[in-house]
Every structure is written in structure tokens, then in C-alpha cells.
Amino acid sequence: MQSLAEKLGYGAADRLLILNCDDLGSSHSANLAIDDSIRNGIATSATLMVPCPWAREAVDMCGDLDIGIHLTLTCEYPGYRWRALTGAKSLHDADGFMPRTAAEVWQNAKLDEVEAECRAQIEQARSWGIDITHLDAHMGTMQINPAYYAIYLKLAAEYRLPLRMLSAKMDERLGFGCRASADKAGVLYPDDFAFQWGEPTEKLLPKFLDKLQPGISEFILHPVKDGDELRGYDKTEANIRVGDYAAAKNNTLRDQIAAQGIKRISFRPLRDAMRA
């Protein structure tokens, strides 16, 4: 049987890498860093947080790039908050904003309102002119809970968009057949996924590259430009985001990717194969 890489026109032994920047639209500083990371760095795509205050600027700045939707149901920062597009009561906390954790979402949100909100985010991006390349989920909220994953997969099939998919090992651990159900629905996804929050990307990515297997793999970044804005809203993990931006512009990593014959792609070829 043909591998996904072969279906996209590559060889069976080719190693293809998607380097996606999460959290586009979350701040002006994130927009600047992500734009630079794709145009001048190693990143290949990004995903837009449509409910965030800086999302519209992100569209103006990055709308010609390969952009997916970072389906957003949470708002993790204590002093910088946003609300659901639909205004649904079950999607907000006592302060009137999206809750800070996935656990709060799963405990309180109504599934029909979750689906309506995710659909509204996709449609808002389309109305802004984004040629959406894929779907993923902020803080994994739509991916690791089976009821939410069902909505995630339903929207991917309906809009004919590929998905960020958890690794095969994590799929097995969760036990509800994420990959099998996507295969049945005709939804494409990368063969592998790697990310470990908190470990510096400049250390993690080289190890990932050394072990990269044939096929399509996704690695994610959270680049943000350092400064007062970032330090004002992210009180605990700003250095991780600054480090991701540095990694995206790191010429040593660029050279390693090239030297190992790894081909950088975005989600667009997967989407086009789904729609062919």
C-alpha cells in the first residue's frame, strides 16, 4: 500500500517535516515572530487563534502564508483574556471569558455549543480570506477527549481539511482510535508528531531530526518576539516562546535539516490530496 508521502508524490524513503507555528493572532509579538519564522526561518506554516484580539492583524500580516485554524476553547493567561465568538454561556467562566484549562472546558461546556464555536472560528477565518490548510487545537482540548475529538474529526471531514494528529503511541495510550476513525473518514494527518512543552526547542529539535523516520512528521513551535507585551501577559513561560523564535531562525538547525536531506513542507499538500 502506498504511504502518505508517496500519495503526495514523494519517495517511500523521503523524510518530510512540517514545522508549524501555533498561536498566531494571540498577540502582536506572536504575529511578528511567526511571520518572520516562516518567511525567513525554518517554519513552514502556522495556525490562527481566531477569537484572540490580534487575529485580524495576523490575517493582514500573514494571510498569504499557509495558515490553519488553531481551534480555541481556552484562555490560559491570568490577566489577558478573550471570549468565544458565539458568546455561548457554557464556553465561559465566572469572569465571562474562555476558561483557563482544558479540564474546565470538558467539565462545563455543552458539546453543541463547542461545535458551533469551532465552526464559527473556521467560518470567520474564511470570511477574512484565509485559504485554510488544516485544523489543530489550542492546548490539545479537541484532541485528547473522545467527545471533543469526534467534533474535531467531523469538522475536518466536512471542510475537507487535514488534522494535527497525536503520535501513534499516544493514540494507543488514549485508547479511542483517533487514527483509525480519521482513516475511515478519509481525513489525512501526518505520520508522526513530536512536541514536549518546556524542553528548549534548540535542544529538542536536533534530537527529533536525528530520529526522523520516512514519512511526514509534524513538530510545533510557539515563537513570540521578546518585549514588554509578551512579558506582560505571559508571566511564567515567556522564555519558552522567545526560545522557539530563536530556534526558528537558527541557521545551525536549518543546516542540519538540509544536510540530512529532510524536506520541509506545510499541510497544504495534505489538504490538496484530500480534495483531489
C-alpha atoms as a PDB file:
ATOM      1  CA  MET A   1       0.000   0.000   0.000  1.00  0.00           C
ATOM      2  CA  GLN A   2       1.226   3.496  -0.846  1.00  0.00           C
ATOM      3  CA  SER A   3       2.483   5.617   2.021  1.00  0.00           C
ATOM      4  CA  LEU A   4       1.107   9.106   2.538  1.00  0.00           C
ATOM      5  CA  ALA A   5       4.392  10.549   1.269  1.00  0.00           C
ATOM      6  CA  GLU A   6       4.057   8.525  -1.929  1.00  0.00           C
ATOM      7  CA  LYS A   7       0.475   9.705  -2.369  1.00  0.00           C
ATOM      8  CA  LEU A   8       1.848  13.257  -2.293  1.00  0.00           C
ATOM      9  CA  GLY A   9       4.391  12.441  -4.984  1.00  0.00           C
ATOM     10  CA  TYR A  10       7.438  11.804  -2.813  1.00  0.00           C
ATOM     11  CA  GLY A  11       9.516   8.659  -2.422  1.00  0.00           C
ATOM     12  CA  ALA A  12       8.834   5.962   0.142  1.00  0.00           C
ATOM     13  CA  ALA A  13      12.118   6.752   1.907  1.00  0.00           C
ATOM     14  CA  ASP A  14      11.681  10.544   1.917  1.00  0.00           C
ATOM     15  CA  ARG A  15      11.516  12.312   5.255  1.00  0.00           C
ATOM     16  CA  LEU A  16       9.124  15.258   5.195  1.00  0.00           C
ATOM     17  CA  LEU A  17       8.813  17.747   8.031  1.00  0.00           C
ATOM     18  CA  ILE A  18       6.037  20.202   8.874  1.00  0.00           C
ATOM     19  CA  LEU A  19       7.222  22.934  11.269  1.00  0.00           C
ATOM     20  CA  ASN A  20       4.043  24.621  12.449  1.00  0.00           C
ATOM     21  CA  CYS A  21       3.862  27.821  14.496  1.00  0.00           C
ATOM     22  CA  ASP A  22       0.987  27.696  16.977  1.00  0.00           C
ATOM     23  CA  ASP A  23      -0.790  30.710  18.493  1.00  0.00           C
ATOM     24  CA  LEU A  24      -0.819  33.080  15.520  1.00  0.00           C
ATOM     25  CA  GLY A  25      -3.061  36.001  16.477  1.00  0.00           C
ATOM     26  CA  SER A  26      -2.511  35.606  20.209  1.00  0.00           C
ATOM     27  CA  SER A  27      -0.520  38.858  20.355  1.00  0.00           C
ATOM     28  CA  HIS A  28       1.209  41.420  18.168  1.00  0.00           C
ATOM     29  CA  SER A  29       4.550  39.992  19.316  1.00  0.00           C
ATOM     30  CA  ALA A  30       3.489  36.492  18.269  1.00  0.00           C
ATOM     31  CA  ASN A  31       2.382  37.770  14.869  1.00  0.00           C
ATOM     32  CA  LEU A  32       5.739  39.451  14.257  1.00  0.00           C
ATOM     33  CA  ALA A  33       7.721  36.384  15.296  1.00  0.00           C
ATOM     34  CA  ILE A  34       5.615  33.882  13.363  1.00  0.00           C
ATOM     35  CA  ASP A  35       5.658  35.961  10.196  1.00  0.00           C
ATOM     36  CA  ASP A  36       9.453  36.160  10.418  1.00  0.00           C
ATOM     37  CA  SER A  37       9.814  32.477  11.341  1.00  0.00           C
ATOM     38  CA  ILE A  38       8.024  31.376   8.170  1.00  0.00           C
ATOM     39  CA  ARG A  39       9.328  33.972   5.717  1.00  0.00           C
ATOM     40  CA  ASN A  40      12.922  33.990   6.944  1.00  0.00           C
ATOM     41  CA  GLY A  41      13.280  30.958   9.195  1.00  0.00           C
ATOM     42  CA  ILE A  42      12.665  27.224   9.144  1.00  0.00           C
ATOM     43  CA  ALA A  43       8.924  27.219   9.917  1.00  0.00           C
ATOM     44  CA  THR A  44       6.517  26.193   7.159  1.00  0.00           C
ATOM     45  CA  SER A  45       3.019  27.020   8.457  1.00  0.00           C
ATOM     46  CA  ALA A  46       1.003  28.457  11.328  1.00  0.00           C
ATOM     47  CA  THR A  47      -2.366  28.115  12.995  1.00  0.00           C
ATOM     48  CA  LEU A  48      -4.590  31.077  13.808  1.00  0.00           C
ATOM     49  CA  MET A  49      -6.372  31.657  17.136  1.00  0.00           C
ATOM     50  CA  VAL A  50      -9.436  33.343  15.685  1.00  0.00           C
ATOM     51  CA  PRO A  51     -11.026  34.618  18.954  1.00  0.00           C
ATOM     52  CA  CYS A  52      -7.890  36.486  20.039  1.00  0.00           C
ATOM     53  CA  PRO A  53      -7.664  40.298  19.809  1.00  0.00           C
ATOM     54  CA  TRP A  54      -4.715  40.234  17.408  1.00  0.00           C
ATOM     55  CA  ALA A  55      -6.186  37.676  14.989  1.00  0.00           C
ATOM     56  CA  ARG A  56      -7.308  40.240  12.445  1.00  0.00           C
ATOM     57  CA  GLU A  57      -3.840  41.787  12.300  1.00  0.00           C
ATOM     58  CA  ALA A  58      -2.407  38.297  11.814  1.00  0.00           C
ATOM     59  CA  VAL A  59      -4.593  37.836   8.742  1.00  0.00           C
ATOM     60  CA  ASP A  60      -3.368  41.110   7.234  1.00  0.00           C
ATOM     61  CA  MET A  61       0.245  40.241   8.031  1.00  0.00           C
ATOM     62  CA  CYS A  62       0.343  36.520   7.244  1.00  0.00           C
ATOM     63  CA  GLY A  63      -2.723  35.826   5.132  1.00  0.00           C
ATOM     64  CA  ASP A  64      -0.650  34.823   2.086  1.00  0.00           C
ATOM     65  CA  LEU A  65       1.128  32.088   4.056  1.00  0.00           C
ATOM     66  CA  ASP A  66      -0.073  28.540   4.756  1.00  0.00           C
ATOM     67  CA  ILE A  67      -2.418  29.044   7.683  1.00  0.00           C
ATOM     68  CA  GLY A  68      -4.656  26.616   9.528  1.00  0.00           C
ATOM     69  CA  ILE A  69      -7.088  27.145  12.401  1.00  0.00           C
ATOM     70  CA  HIS A  70      -5.966  26.637  15.996  1.00  0.00           C
ATOM     71  CA  LEU A  71      -9.400  25.781  17.377  1.00  0.00           C
ATOM     72  CA  THR A  72      -9.572  27.711  20.630  1.00  0.00           C
ATOM     73  CA  LEU A  73     -11.711  26.956  23.681  1.00  0.00           C
ATOM     74  CA  THR A  74      -9.282  28.042  26.405  1.00  0.00           C
ATOM     75  CA  CYS A  75      -7.603  31.244  27.508  1.00  0.00           C
ATOM     76  CA  GLU A  76      -4.694  30.352  29.775  1.00  0.00           C
ATOM     77  CA  TYR A  77      -3.295  33.714  30.847  1.00  0.00           C
ATOM     78  CA  PRO A  78      -4.489  35.205  34.157  1.00  0.00           C
ATOM     79  CA  GLY A  79      -4.690  38.838  33.029  1.00  0.00           C
ATOM     80  CA  TYR A  80      -5.063  38.601  29.240  1.00  0.00           C
ATOM     81  CA  ARG A  81      -8.386  37.028  28.276  1.00  0.00           C
ATOM     82  CA  TRP A  82     -10.691  36.521  25.300  1.00  0.00           C
ATOM     83  CA  ARG A  83     -14.243  35.355  24.722  1.00  0.00           C
ATOM     84  CA  ALA A  84     -15.922  32.841  22.418  1.00  0.00           C
ATOM     85  CA  LEU A  85     -17.157  34.209  19.101  1.00  0.00           C
ATOM     86  CA  THR A  86     -20.609  32.736  19.679  1.00  0.00           C
ATOM     87  CA  GLY A  87     -20.982  34.102  23.211  1.00  0.00           C
ATOM     88  CA  ALA A  88     -22.260  30.713  24.420  1.00  0.00           C
ATOM     89  CA  LYS A  89     -22.587  30.680  28.197  1.00  0.00           C
ATOM     90  CA  SER A  90     -21.125  27.205  28.694  1.00  0.00           C
ATOM     91  CA  LEU A  91     -17.892  28.261  26.965  1.00  0.00           C
ATOM     92  CA  HIS A  92     -17.127  30.988  29.515  1.00  0.00           C
ATOM     93  CA  ASP A  93     -16.008  31.035  33.136  1.00  0.00           C
ATOM     94  CA  ALA A  94     -17.380  33.094  36.008  1.00  0.00           C
ATOM     95  CA  ASP A  95     -15.441  36.151  34.772  1.00  0.00           C
ATOM     96  CA  GLY A  96     -17.066  35.924  31.343  1.00  0.00           C
ATOM     97  CA  PHE A  97     -14.020  34.659  29.446  1.00  0.00           C
ATOM     98  CA  MET A  98     -12.962  31.325  27.990  1.00  0.00           C
ATOM     99  CA  PRO A  99     -11.695  29.126  30.854  1.00  0.00           C
ATOM    100  CA  ARG A 100      -8.009  28.748  31.572  1.00  0.00           C
ATOM    101  CA  THR A 101      -7.746  24.939  31.350  1.00  0.00           C
ATOM    102  CA  ALA A 102      -8.968  22.119  29.143  1.00  0.00           C
ATOM    103  CA  ALA A 103     -10.342  20.394  32.236  1.00  0.00           C
ATOM    104  CA  GLU A 104     -12.679  23.325  32.866  1.00  0.00           C
ATOM    105  CA  VAL A 105     -13.882  23.160  29.268  1.00  0.00           C
ATOM    106  CA  TRP A 106     -14.588  19.423  29.474  1.00  0.00           C
ATOM    107  CA  GLN A 107     -16.417  19.856  32.764  1.00  0.00           C
ATOM    108  CA  ASN A 108     -18.710  22.715  31.788  1.00  0.00           C
ATOM    109  CA  ALA A 109     -19.059  23.111  28.018  1.00  0.00           C
ATOM    110  CA  LYS A 110     -22.059  21.826  26.091  1.00  0.00           C
ATOM    111  CA  LEU A 111     -20.973  19.829  23.060  1.00  0.00           C
ATOM    112  CA  ASP A 112     -23.413  21.503  20.673  1.00  0.00           C
ATOM    113  CA  GLU A 113     -22.010  24.889  21.722  1.00  0.00           C
ATOM    114  CA  VAL A 114     -18.455  23.608  21.291  1.00  0.00           C
ATOM    115  CA  GLU A 115     -19.228  22.533  17.731  1.00  0.00           C
ATOM    116  CA  ALA A 116     -20.944  25.832  16.949  1.00  0.00           C
ATOM    117  CA  GLU A 117     -17.968  27.794  18.299  1.00  0.00           C
ATOM    118  CA  CYS A 118     -15.400  25.772  16.351  1.00  0.00           C
ATOM    119  CA  ARG A 119     -17.472  26.151  13.203  1.00  0.00           C
ATOM    120  CA  ALA A 120     -17.753  29.908  13.822  1.00  0.00           C
ATOM    121  CA  GLN A 121     -13.973  30.181  14.117  1.00  0.00           C
ATOM    122  CA  ILE A 122     -13.476  28.377  10.812  1.00  0.00           C
ATOM    123  CA  GLU A 123     -16.109  30.460   9.062  1.00  0.00           C
ATOM    124  CA  GLN A 124     -14.700  33.715  10.475  1.00  0.00           C
ATOM    125  CA  ALA A 125     -11.272  32.875   9.094  1.00  0.00           C
ATOM    126  CA  ARG A 126     -12.775  32.008   5.717  1.00  0.00           C
ATOM    127  CA  SER A 127     -14.635  35.322   5.646  1.00  0.00           C
ATOM    128  CA  TRP A 128     -11.319  37.082   6.286  1.00  0.00           C
ATOM    129  CA  GLY A 129      -9.926  35.401   3.188  1.00  0.00           C
ATOM    130  CA  ILE A 130      -7.779  32.674   4.777  1.00  0.00           C
ATOM    131  CA  ASP A 131      -7.277  29.676   2.478  1.00  0.00           C
ATOM    132  CA  ILE A 132      -7.310  27.278   5.433  1.00  0.00           C
ATOM    133  CA  THR A 133      -4.790  24.456   5.153  1.00  0.00           C
ATOM    134  CA  HIS A 134      -5.559  22.363   8.256  1.00  0.00           C
ATOM    135  CA  LEU A 135      -7.036  22.157  11.735  1.00  0.00           C
ATOM    136  CA  ASP A 136      -5.398  21.724  15.103  1.00  0.00           C
ATOM    137  CA  ALA A 137      -6.387  22.616  18.659  1.00  0.00           C
ATOM    138  CA  HIS A 138      -5.109  25.016  21.304  1.00  0.00           C
ATOM    139  CA  MET A 139      -3.834  23.167  24.377  1.00  0.00           C
ATOM    140  CA  GLY A 140      -4.985  19.888  22.810  1.00  0.00           C
ATOM    141  CA  THR A 141      -8.544  20.435  24.014  1.00  0.00           C
ATOM    142  CA  MET A 142     -10.170  18.921  20.923  1.00  0.00           C
ATOM    143  CA  GLN A 143      -7.734  16.023  20.580  1.00  0.00           C
ATOM    144  CA  ILE A 144      -7.494  14.001  23.781  1.00  0.00           C
ATOM    145  CA  ASN A 145     -11.133  13.830  24.910  1.00  0.00           C
ATOM    146  CA  PRO A 146     -13.157  11.392  22.751  1.00  0.00           C
ATOM    147  CA  ALA A 147     -16.344  13.507  22.662  1.00  0.00           C
ATOM    148  CA  TYR A 148     -14.371  16.558  21.560  1.00  0.00           C
ATOM    149  CA  TYR A 149     -12.272  14.568  19.120  1.00  0.00           C
ATOM    150  CA  ALA A 150     -15.485  13.444  17.410  1.00  0.00           C
ATOM    151  CA  ILE A 151     -16.315  17.109  16.714  1.00  0.00           C
ATOM    152  CA  TYR A 152     -12.732  17.787  15.602  1.00  0.00           C
ATOM    153  CA  LEU A 153     -12.885  14.919  13.113  1.00  0.00           C
ATOM    154  CA  LYS A 154     -16.397  15.826  11.946  1.00  0.00           C
ATOM    155  CA  LEU A 155     -15.290  19.366  11.044  1.00  0.00           C
ATOM    156  CA  ALA A 156     -12.163  18.102   9.293  1.00  0.00           C
ATOM    157  CA  ALA A 157     -14.230  15.766   7.147  1.00  0.00           C
ATOM    158  CA  GLU A 158     -16.848  18.402   6.404  1.00  0.00           C
ATOM    159  CA  TYR A 159     -14.368  21.106   5.430  1.00  0.00           C
ATOM    160  CA  ARG A 160     -12.003  18.572   3.838  1.00  0.00           C
ATOM    161  CA  LEU A 161      -9.047  19.632   5.935  1.00  0.00           C
ATOM    162  CA  PRO A 162      -6.183  17.533   7.337  1.00  0.00           C
ATOM    163  CA  LEU A 163      -5.648  17.343  11.072  1.00  0.00           C
ATOM    164  CA  ARG A 164      -2.846  17.563  13.554  1.00  0.00           C
ATOM    165  CA  MET A 165      -2.745  14.060  14.925  1.00  0.00           C
ATOM    166  CA  LEU A 166      -1.244  12.744  18.141  1.00  0.00           C
ATOM    167  CA  SER A 167       1.571  10.221  17.826  1.00  0.00           C
ATOM    168  CA  ALA A 168       0.707   6.563  17.316  1.00  0.00           C
ATOM    169  CA  LYS A 169       1.990   5.840  20.827  1.00  0.00           C
ATOM    170  CA  MET A 170      -0.287   8.471  22.362  1.00  0.00           C
ATOM    171  CA  ASP A 171      -3.221   7.268  20.246  1.00  0.00           C
ATOM    172  CA  GLU A 172      -2.713   3.777  21.648  1.00  0.00           C
ATOM    173  CA  ARG A 173      -2.479   5.153  25.198  1.00  0.00           C
ATOM    174  CA  LEU A 174      -5.715   7.132  24.852  1.00  0.00           C
ATOM    175  CA  GLY A 175      -7.493   4.059  23.530  1.00  0.00           C
ATOM    176  CA  PHE A 176     -10.274   5.526  21.406  1.00  0.00           C
ATOM    177  CA  GLY A 177      -8.812   5.057  17.932  1.00  0.00           C
ATOM    178  CA  CYS A 178      -8.066   8.581  16.753  1.00  0.00           C
ATOM    179  CA  ARG A 179      -6.131   7.430  13.715  1.00  0.00           C
ATOM    180  CA  ALA A 180      -8.470   4.611  12.753  1.00  0.00           C
ATOM    181  CA  SER A 181     -11.504   6.896  12.803  1.00  0.00           C
ATOM    182  CA  ALA A 182      -9.688   9.511  10.729  1.00  0.00           C
ATOM    183  CA  ASP A 183      -8.711   6.850   8.205  1.00  0.00           C
ATOM    184  CA  LYS A 184     -12.334   5.723   7.995  1.00  0.00           C
ATOM    185  CA  ALA A 185     -13.469   9.325   7.431  1.00  0.00           C
ATOM    186  CA  GLY A 186     -10.867   9.930   4.713  1.00  0.00           C
ATOM    187  CA  VAL A 187      -9.126  12.629   6.750  1.00  0.00           C
ATOM    188  CA  LEU A 188      -5.364  12.870   6.276  1.00  0.00           C
ATOM    189  CA  TYR A 189      -2.814  13.595   9.005  1.00  0.00           C
ATOM    190  CA  PRO A 190       0.981  13.425   9.412  1.00  0.00           C
ATOM    191  CA  ASP A 191       2.507  10.060  10.232  1.00  0.00           C
ATOM    192  CA  ASP A 192       4.200  11.309  13.371  1.00  0.00           C
ATOM    193  CA  PHE A 193       4.001  14.190  15.831  1.00  0.00           C
ATOM    194  CA  ALA A 194       6.563  15.387  18.360  1.00  0.00           C
ATOM    195  CA  PHE A 195       6.479  18.109  20.942  1.00  0.00           C
ATOM    196  CA  GLN A 196       7.465  18.452  24.578  1.00  0.00           C
ATOM    197  CA  TRP A 197       6.457  21.692  26.269  1.00  0.00           C
ATOM    198  CA  GLY A 198       9.253  23.174  28.330  1.00  0.00           C
ATOM    199  CA  GLU A 199      12.266  21.474  26.760  1.00  0.00           C
ATOM    200  CA  PRO A 200      14.182  24.086  24.720  1.00  0.00           C
ATOM    201  CA  THR A 201      13.463  23.600  21.031  1.00  0.00           C
ATOM    202  CA  GLU A 202      17.091  24.251  20.130  1.00  0.00           C
ATOM    203  CA  LYS A 203      17.908  21.069  22.100  1.00  0.00           C
ATOM    204  CA  LEU A 204      14.789  19.025  21.350  1.00  0.00           C
ATOM    205  CA  LEU A 205      14.558  19.529  17.588  1.00  0.00           C
ATOM    206  CA  PRO A 206      18.064  18.233  16.728  1.00  0.00           C
ATOM    207  CA  LYS A 207      17.318  15.001  18.605  1.00  0.00           C
ATOM    208  CA  PHE A 208      13.989  14.718  16.798  1.00  0.00           C
ATOM    209  CA  LEU A 209      15.674  15.275  13.431  1.00  0.00           C
ATOM    210  CA  ASP A 210      18.266  12.579  14.141  1.00  0.00           C
ATOM    211  CA  LYS A 211      15.474  10.054  14.754  1.00  0.00           C
ATOM    212  CA  LEU A 212      13.140  11.218  11.984  1.00  0.00           C
ATOM    213  CA  GLN A 213      11.614   8.295  10.120  1.00  0.00           C
ATOM    214  CA  PRO A 214      10.476   8.178   6.475  1.00  0.00           C
ATOM    215  CA  GLY A 215       7.074   9.774   6.001  1.00  0.00           C
ATOM    216  CA  ILE A 216       5.540  13.035   7.174  1.00  0.00           C
ATOM    217  CA  SER A 217       6.191  14.344  10.675  1.00  0.00           C
ATOM    218  CA  GLU A 218       4.972  17.475  12.445  1.00  0.00           C
ATOM    219  CA  PHE A 219       6.930  19.475  15.016  1.00  0.00           C
ATOM    220  CA  ILE A 220       5.428  22.584  16.607  1.00  0.00           C
ATOM    221  CA  LEU A 221       6.838  25.919  17.700  1.00  0.00           C
ATOM    222  CA  HIS A 222       5.419  28.838  19.698  1.00  0.00           C
ATOM    223  CA  PRO A 223       7.531  31.796  18.506  1.00  0.00           C
ATOM    224  CA  VAL A 224       6.999  35.191  20.139  1.00  0.00           C
ATOM    225  CA  LYS A 225       9.160  38.294  19.941  1.00  0.00           C
ATOM    226  CA  ASP A 226      10.531  39.297  23.330  1.00  0.00           C
ATOM    227  CA  GLY A 227       9.467  42.567  24.921  1.00  0.00           C
ATOM    228  CA  ASP A 228       7.032  44.257  27.278  1.00  0.00           C
ATOM    229  CA  GLU A 229       3.936  42.843  25.583  1.00  0.00           C
ATOM    230  CA  LEU A 230       4.997  39.208  25.952  1.00  0.00           C
ATOM    231  CA  ARG A 231       6.338  39.726  29.476  1.00  0.00           C
ATOM    232  CA  GLY A 232       3.104  41.481  30.383  1.00  0.00           C
ATOM    233  CA  TYR A 233       0.770  38.613  29.516  1.00  0.00           C
ATOM    234  CA  ASP A 234       2.957  35.515  29.959  1.00  0.00           C
ATOM    235  CA  LYS A 235       4.356  35.681  33.478  1.00  0.00           C
ATOM    236  CA  THR A 236       5.727  32.142  33.650  1.00  0.00           C
ATOM    237  CA  GLU A 237       6.718  30.735  30.253  1.00  0.00           C
ATOM    238  CA  ALA A 238       7.778  33.685  28.125  1.00  0.00           C
ATOM    239  CA  ASN A 239      11.309  32.309  27.812  1.00  0.00           C
ATOM    240  CA  ILE A 240       9.984  29.182  26.094  1.00  0.00           C
ATOM    241  CA  ARG A 241       8.321  31.312  23.424  1.00  0.00           C
ATOM    242  CA  VAL A 242      11.373  33.520  22.962  1.00  0.00           C
ATOM    243  CA  GLY A 243      13.485  30.381  22.651  1.00  0.00           C
ATOM    244  CA  ASP A 244      11.180  28.975  19.984  1.00  0.00           C
ATOM    245  CA  TYR A 245      11.577  32.167  17.979  1.00  0.00           C
ATOM    246  CA  ALA A 246      15.356  31.868  18.237  1.00  0.00           C
ATOM    247  CA  ALA A 247      15.164  28.221  17.151  1.00  0.00           C
ATOM    248  CA  ALA A 248      13.078  29.118  14.108  1.00  0.00           C
ATOM    249  CA  LYS A 249      15.839  31.499  12.994  1.00  0.00           C
ATOM    250  CA  ASN A 250      18.727  29.204  13.978  1.00  0.00           C
ATOM    251  CA  ASN A 251      20.962  28.602  10.954  1.00  0.00           C
ATOM    252  CA  THR A 252      22.516  25.537  12.551  1.00  0.00           C
ATOM    253  CA  LEU A 253      19.091  23.873  12.640  1.00  0.00           C
ATOM    254  CA  ARG A 254      18.416  24.983   9.061  1.00  0.00           C
ATOM    255  CA  ASP A 255      21.746  23.451   8.010  1.00  0.00           C
ATOM    256  CA  GLN A 256      21.029  20.210   9.879  1.00  0.00           C
ATOM    257  CA  ILE A 257      17.691  19.837   8.114  1.00  0.00           C
ATOM    258  CA  ALA A 258      19.358  20.387   4.745  1.00  0.00           C
ATOM    259  CA  ALA A 259      22.357  18.147   5.480  1.00  0.00           C
ATOM    260  CA  GLN A 260      20.125  15.259   6.495  1.00  0.00           C
ATOM    261  CA  GLY A 261      18.093  15.563   3.308  1.00  0.00           C
ATOM    262  CA  ILE A 262      14.884  16.373   5.157  1.00  0.00           C
ATOM    263  CA  LYS A 263      12.282  18.156   3.054  1.00  0.00           C
ATOM    264  CA  ARG A 264      10.232  20.890   4.716  1.00  0.00           C
ATOM    265  CA  ILE A 265       6.566  21.067   3.702  1.00  0.00           C
ATOM    266  CA  SER A 266       3.335  22.551   5.045  1.00  0.00           C
ATOM    267  CA  PHE A 267      -0.094  20.984   5.466  1.00  0.00           C
ATOM    268  CA  ARG A 268      -1.207  22.295   2.068  1.00  0.00           C
ATOM    269  CA  PRO A 269      -0.153  19.174   0.102  1.00  0.00           C
ATOM    270  CA  LEU A 270      -2.167  17.011   2.502  1.00  0.00           C
ATOM    271  CA  ARG A 271      -5.196  19.235   2.096  1.00  0.00           C
ATOM    272  CA  ASP A 272      -4.874  19.248  -1.685  1.00  0.00           C
ATOM    273  CA  ALA A 273      -4.602  15.451  -1.703  1.00  0.00           C
ATOM    274  CA  MET A 274      -7.813  15.218   0.339  1.00  0.00           C
ATOM    275  CA  ARG A 275      -9.599  17.436  -2.142  1.00  0.00           C
ATOM    276  CA  ALA A 276      -8.146  15.926  -5.321  1.00  0.00           C
END
